[in-house]
Each structure stands twice: as C-alpha cells, then as structure tokens.
PDB file of N, CA and C in Angstrom:
ATOM      1  N   MET A   1       0.860  -1.238   0.017  1.00  0.00           N
ATOM      2  CA  MET A   1      -0.004   0.001  -0.035  1.00  0.00           C
ATOM      3  C   MET A   1       0.875   1.190   0.000  1.00  0.00           C
ATOM      4  N   ARG A   2       0.480   2.251  -0.718  1.00  0.00           N
ATOM      5  CA  ARG A   2       1.277   3.418  -0.946  1.00  0.00           C
ATOM      6  C   ARG A   2       0.921   4.418   0.179  1.00  0.00           C
ATOM      7  N   ARG A   3       1.877   5.021   0.781  1.00  0.00           N
ATOM      8  CA  ARG A   3       1.644   5.986   1.821  1.00  0.00           C
ATOM      9  C   ARG A   3       1.186   7.316   1.170  1.00  0.00           C
ATOM     10  N   ARG A   4       0.331   8.080   1.756  1.00  0.00           N
ATOM     11  CA  ARG A   4      -0.157   9.361   1.252  1.00  0.00           C
ATOM     12  C   ARG A   4       0.271  10.410   2.320  1.00  0.00           C
ATOM     13  N   GLU A   5       0.790  11.513   1.705  1.00  0.00           N
ATOM     14  CA  GLU A   5       1.151  12.594   2.555  1.00  0.00           C
ATOM     15  C   GLU A   5      -0.125  13.364   3.126  1.00  0.00           C
ATOM     16  N   CYS A   6       0.024  13.846   4.299  1.00  0.00           N
ATOM     17  CA  CYS A   6      -1.047  14.580   4.907  1.00  0.00           C
ATOM     18  C   CYS A   6      -1.249  15.845   4.151  1.00  0.00           C
ATOM     19  N   PRO A   7      -2.406  16.276   3.694  1.00  0.00           N
ATOM     20  CA  PRO A   7      -2.570  17.537   3.031  1.00  0.00           C
ATOM     21  C   PRO A   7      -2.113  18.731   3.841  1.00  0.00           C
ATOM     22  N   ALA A   8      -2.253  18.682   5.120  1.00  0.00           N
ATOM     23  CA  ALA A   8      -1.805  19.796   5.937  1.00  0.00           C
ATOM     24  C   ALA A   8      -0.336  20.049   5.792  1.00  0.00           C
ATOM     25  N   VAL A   9       0.477  19.069   5.632  1.00  0.00           N
ATOM     26  CA  VAL A   9       1.905  19.201   5.472  1.00  0.00           C
ATOM     27  C   VAL A   9       2.195  19.934   4.110  1.00  0.00           C
ATOM     28  N   SER A  10       1.411  19.566   3.043  1.00  0.00           N
ATOM     29  CA  SER A  10       1.599  20.138   1.768  1.00  0.00           C
ATOM     30  C   SER A  10       1.242  21.688   1.849  1.00  0.00           C
ATOM     31  N   ILE A  11       0.217  22.068   2.624  1.00  0.00           N
ATOM     32  CA  ILE A  11      -0.314  23.360   2.693  1.00  0.00           C
ATOM     33  C   ILE A  11       0.702  24.145   3.561  1.00  0.00           C
ATOM     34  N   LEU A  12       1.135  23.602   4.715  1.00  0.00           N
ATOM     35  CA  LEU A  12       2.191  24.296   5.457  1.00  0.00           C
ATOM     36  C   LEU A  12       3.432  24.650   4.713  1.00  0.00           C
ATOM     37  N   ARG A  13       3.932  23.741   3.879  1.00  0.00           N
ATOM     38  CA  ARG A  13       5.122  23.873   2.974  1.00  0.00           C
ATOM     39  C   ARG A  13       4.816  25.028   2.037  1.00  0.00           C
ATOM     40  N   ALA A  14       3.712  24.952   1.332  1.00  0.00           N
ATOM     41  CA  ALA A  14       3.395  25.936   0.349  1.00  0.00           C
ATOM     42  C   ALA A  14       3.235  27.353   0.821  1.00  0.00           C
ATOM     43  N   ARG A  15       2.682  27.461   2.021  1.00  0.00           N
ATOM     44  CA  ARG A  15       2.578  28.789   2.713  1.00  0.00           C
ATOM     45  C   ARG A  15       3.918  29.366   3.138  1.00  0.00           C
ATOM     46  N   ARG A  16       4.918  28.537   3.255  1.00  0.00           N
ATOM     47  CA  ARG A  16       6.227  28.873   3.591  1.00  0.00           C
ATOM     48  C   ARG A  16       7.205  28.988   2.401  1.00  0.00           C
ATOM     49  N   GLY A  17       6.636  28.870   1.189  1.00  0.00           N
ATOM     50  CA  GLY A  17       7.456  29.094   0.088  1.00  0.00           C
ATOM     51  C   GLY A  17       8.050  27.865  -0.548  1.00  0.00           C
ATOM     52  N   ILE A  18       7.617  26.657  -0.127  1.00  0.00           N
ATOM     53  CA  ILE A  18       8.162  25.373  -0.707  1.00  0.00           C
ATOM     54  C   ILE A  18       7.122  24.668  -1.303  1.00  0.00           C
ATOM     55  N   LEU A  19       7.331  24.346  -2.671  1.00  0.00           N
ATOM     56  CA  LEU A  19       6.268  23.542  -3.392  1.00  0.00           C
ATOM     57  C   LEU A  19       6.820  22.263  -3.824  1.00  0.00           C
ATOM     58  N   LEU A  20       6.244  21.229  -3.468  1.00  0.00           N
ATOM     59  CA  LEU A  20       6.615  19.895  -3.961  1.00  0.00           C
ATOM     60  C   LEU A  20       5.371  19.252  -4.565  1.00  0.00           C
ATOM     61  N   THR A  21       5.571  18.467  -5.635  1.00  0.00           N
ATOM     62  CA  THR A  21       4.456  17.816  -6.208  1.00  0.00           C
ATOM     63  C   THR A  21       4.003  16.614  -5.246  1.00  0.00           C
ATOM     64  N   PRO A  22       2.659  16.637  -4.991  1.00  0.00           N
ATOM     65  CA  PRO A  22       2.199  15.699  -3.855  1.00  0.00           C
ATOM     66  C   PRO A  22       1.928  14.273  -4.372  1.00  0.00           C
ATOM     67  N   PHE A  23       2.131  13.971  -5.632  1.00  0.00           N
ATOM     68  CA  PHE A  23       1.585  12.757  -6.194  1.00  0.00           C
ATOM     69  C   PHE A  23       2.787  11.728  -6.238  1.00  0.00           C
ATOM     70  N   HIS A  24       3.906  11.946  -5.746  1.00  0.00           N
ATOM     71  CA  HIS A  24       4.981  10.919  -5.667  1.00  0.00           C
ATOM     72  C   HIS A  24       5.840  11.197  -4.520  1.00  0.00           C
ATOM     73  N   ASP A  25       6.778  10.393  -4.174  1.00  0.00           N
ATOM     74  CA  ASP A  25       7.634  10.518  -3.029  1.00  0.00           C
ATOM     75  C   ASP A  25       9.039  11.119  -3.386  1.00  0.00           C
ATOM     76  N   MET A  26       9.126  11.968  -4.369  1.00  0.00           N
ATOM     77  CA  MET A  26      10.353  12.539  -4.752  1.00  0.00           C
ATOM     78  C   MET A  26      10.340  14.041  -4.786  1.00  0.00           C
ATOM     79  N   ALA A  27      11.415  14.646  -4.497  1.00  0.00           N
ATOM     80  CA  ALA A  27      11.587  16.107  -4.677  1.00  0.00           C
ATOM     81  C   ALA A  27      12.282  16.296  -5.961  1.00  0.00           C
ATOM     82  N   LEU A  28      11.704  17.053  -6.861  1.00  0.00           N
ATOM     83  CA  LEU A  28      12.367  17.407  -8.124  1.00  0.00           C
ATOM     84  C   LEU A  28      13.232  18.658  -8.027  1.00  0.00           C
ATOM     85  N   MET A  29      14.522  18.548  -8.327  1.00  0.00           N
ATOM     86  CA  MET A  29      15.349  19.731  -8.102  1.00  0.00           C
ATOM     87  C   MET A  29      15.897  20.268  -9.374  1.00  0.00           C
ATOM     88  N   CYS A  30      16.007  21.544  -9.518  1.00  0.00           N
ATOM     89  CA  CYS A  30      16.555  22.073 -10.710  1.00  0.00           C
ATOM     90  C   CYS A  30      18.056  22.309 -10.419  1.00  0.00           C
ATOM     91  N   PRO A  31      18.857  22.502 -11.522  1.00  0.00           N
ATOM     92  CA  PRO A  31      20.191  22.676 -11.280  1.00  0.00           C
ATOM     93  C   PRO A  31      20.646  23.883 -10.373  1.00  0.00           C
ATOM     94  N   ASP A  32      19.730  24.816 -10.234  1.00  0.00           N
ATOM     95  CA  ASP A  32      19.990  26.020  -9.422  1.00  0.00           C
ATOM     96  C   ASP A  32      19.645  25.755  -7.940  1.00  0.00           C
ATOM     97  N   THR A  33      19.103  24.670  -7.541  1.00  0.00           N
ATOM     98  CA  THR A  33      18.880  24.308  -6.150  1.00  0.00           C
ATOM     99  C   THR A  33      20.107  24.218  -5.377  1.00  0.00           C
ATOM    100  N   THR A  34      20.175  25.024  -4.237  1.00  0.00           N
ATOM    101  CA  THR A  34      21.420  24.979  -3.411  1.00  0.00           C
ATOM    102  C   THR A  34      21.180  24.141  -2.188  1.00  0.00           C
ATOM    103  N   GLU A  35      22.379  23.883  -1.551  1.00  0.00           N
ATOM    104  CA  GLU A  35      22.316  23.077  -0.264  1.00  0.00           C
ATOM    105  C   GLU A  35      21.475  23.850   0.775  1.00  0.00           C
ATOM    106  N   GLN A  36      21.490  25.182   0.699  1.00  0.00           N
ATOM    107  CA  GLN A  36      20.708  25.964   1.596  1.00  0.00           C
ATOM    108  C   GLN A  36      19.202  25.796   1.373  1.00  0.00           C
ATOM    109  N   ASP A  37      18.779  25.663   0.065  1.00  0.00           N
ATOM    110  CA  ASP A  37      17.422  25.346  -0.245  1.00  0.00           C
ATOM    111  C   ASP A  37      17.001  24.045   0.343  1.00  0.00           C
ATOM    112  N   VAL A  38      17.766  23.028   0.259  1.00  0.00           N
ATOM    113  CA  VAL A  38      17.476  21.685   0.795  1.00  0.00           C
ATOM    114  C   VAL A  38      17.423  21.793   2.244  1.00  0.00           C
ATOM    115  N   ASP A  39      18.366  22.526   2.931  1.00  0.00           N
ATOM    116  CA  ASP A  39      18.354  22.618   4.429  1.00  0.00           C
ATOM    117  C   ASP A  39      17.086  23.497   4.813  1.00  0.00           C
ATOM    118  N   ALA A  40      16.702  24.389   4.071  1.00  0.00           N
ATOM    119  CA  ALA A  40      15.440  25.135   4.374  1.00  0.00           C
ATOM    120  C   ALA A  40      14.214  24.283   4.408  1.00  0.00           C
ATOM    121  N   HIS A  41      14.159  23.379   3.391  1.00  0.00           N
ATOM    122  CA  HIS A  41      13.019  22.458   3.353  1.00  0.00           C
ATOM    123  C   HIS A  41      13.046  21.493   4.597  1.00  0.00           C
ATOM    124  N   THR A  42      14.264  20.865   4.795  1.00  0.00           N
ATOM    125  CA  THR A  42      14.398  19.905   5.974  1.00  0.00           C
ATOM    126  C   THR A  42      13.965  20.642   7.342  1.00  0.00           C
ATOM    127  N   GLU A  43      14.322  21.899   7.460  1.00  0.00           N
ATOM    128  CA  GLU A  43      13.938  22.587   8.731  1.00  0.00           C
ATOM    129  C   GLU A  43      12.475  22.914   8.747  1.00  0.00           C
ATOM    130  N   LEU A  44      11.952  23.281   7.570  1.00  0.00           N
ATOM    131  CA  LEU A  44      10.525  23.678   7.542  1.00  0.00           C
ATOM    132  C   LEU A  44       9.664  22.364   7.745  1.00  0.00           C
ATOM    133  N   PHE A  45      10.122  21.224   7.165  1.00  0.00           N
ATOM    134  CA  PHE A  45       9.377  19.993   7.272  1.00  0.00           C
ATOM    135  C   PHE A  45       9.350  19.599   8.705  1.00  0.00           C
ATOM    136  N   ALA A  46      10.548  19.601   9.430  1.00  0.00           N
ATOM    137  CA  ALA A  46      10.569  19.349  10.870  1.00  0.00           C
ATOM    138  C   ALA A  46       9.713  20.197  11.696  1.00  0.00           C
ATOM    139  N   ALA A  47       9.672  21.490  11.427  1.00  0.00           N
ATOM    140  CA  ALA A  47       8.748  22.432  12.127  1.00  0.00           C
ATOM    141  C   ALA A  47       7.259  22.157  11.860  1.00  0.00           C
ATOM    142  N   ALA A  48       6.969  21.835  10.566  1.00  0.00           N
ATOM    143  CA  ALA A  48       5.598  21.539  10.263  1.00  0.00           C
ATOM    144  C   ALA A  48       5.099  20.286  11.040  1.00  0.00           C
ATOM    145  N   LEU A  49       5.966  19.240  11.044  1.00  0.00           N
ATOM    146  CA  LEU A  49       5.526  18.073  11.763  1.00  0.00           C
ATOM    147  C   LEU A  49       5.380  18.273  13.339  1.00  0.00           C
ATOM    148  N   ALA A  50       6.279  19.124  13.857  1.00  0.00           N
ATOM    149  CA  ALA A  50       6.182  19.424  15.226  1.00  0.00           C
ATOM    150  C   ALA A  50       4.876  20.235  15.565  1.00  0.00           C
ATOM    151  N   GLU A  51       4.510  21.130  14.632  1.00  0.00           N
ATOM    152  CA  GLU A  51       3.312  21.920  14.769  1.00  0.00           C
ATOM    153  C   GLU A  51       2.077  21.013  14.701  1.00  0.00           C
ATOM    154  N   LEU A  52       2.071  20.175  13.781  1.00  0.00           N
ATOM    155  CA  LEU A  52       0.922  19.225  13.509  1.00  0.00           C
ATOM    156  C   LEU A  52       0.773  18.247  14.596  1.00  0.00           C
ATOM    157  N   LEU A  53       1.849  17.697  15.132  1.00  0.00           N
ATOM    158  CA  LEU A  53       1.855  16.629  16.124  1.00  0.00           C
ATOM    159  C   LEU A  53       1.745  17.172  17.550  1.00  0.00           C
ATOM    160  N   GLY A  54       2.063  18.489  17.695  1.00  0.00           N
ATOM    161  CA  GLY A  54       1.887  19.152  18.978  1.00  0.00           C
ATOM    162  C   GLY A  54       2.924  18.779  19.877  1.00  0.00           C
TER     163      GLY A  54
END
C-alpha cells in the first residue's frame, strides 16, 4: 500500500514558500537548487511536523 502525505503538510510547506508535487515521493530539483534550499526544506518540514503533532 502506498503512503499518502497529509494535505496539511503540503499546505504548510506551500505557505512557507516550498512547493513539492504531492503525487509521488520525490523532490524534483533544478540545477540552481542550493544546499541551503534543501536545508530550508528540511527545517521547515521538521517544524511543520512538530506543529501538526503538537
């Protein structure tokens, strides 16, 4: 069975400037993506989970 991402996580990311396609488990990166961009997503994702899980 395929896991589905919680829609709230997608909304939290989008409201903070990070857009990922929700229909697969991959992040598509352009050549201009920096290590700082990846770090920003990792930090935002952790904060979103903490906010959602209380």
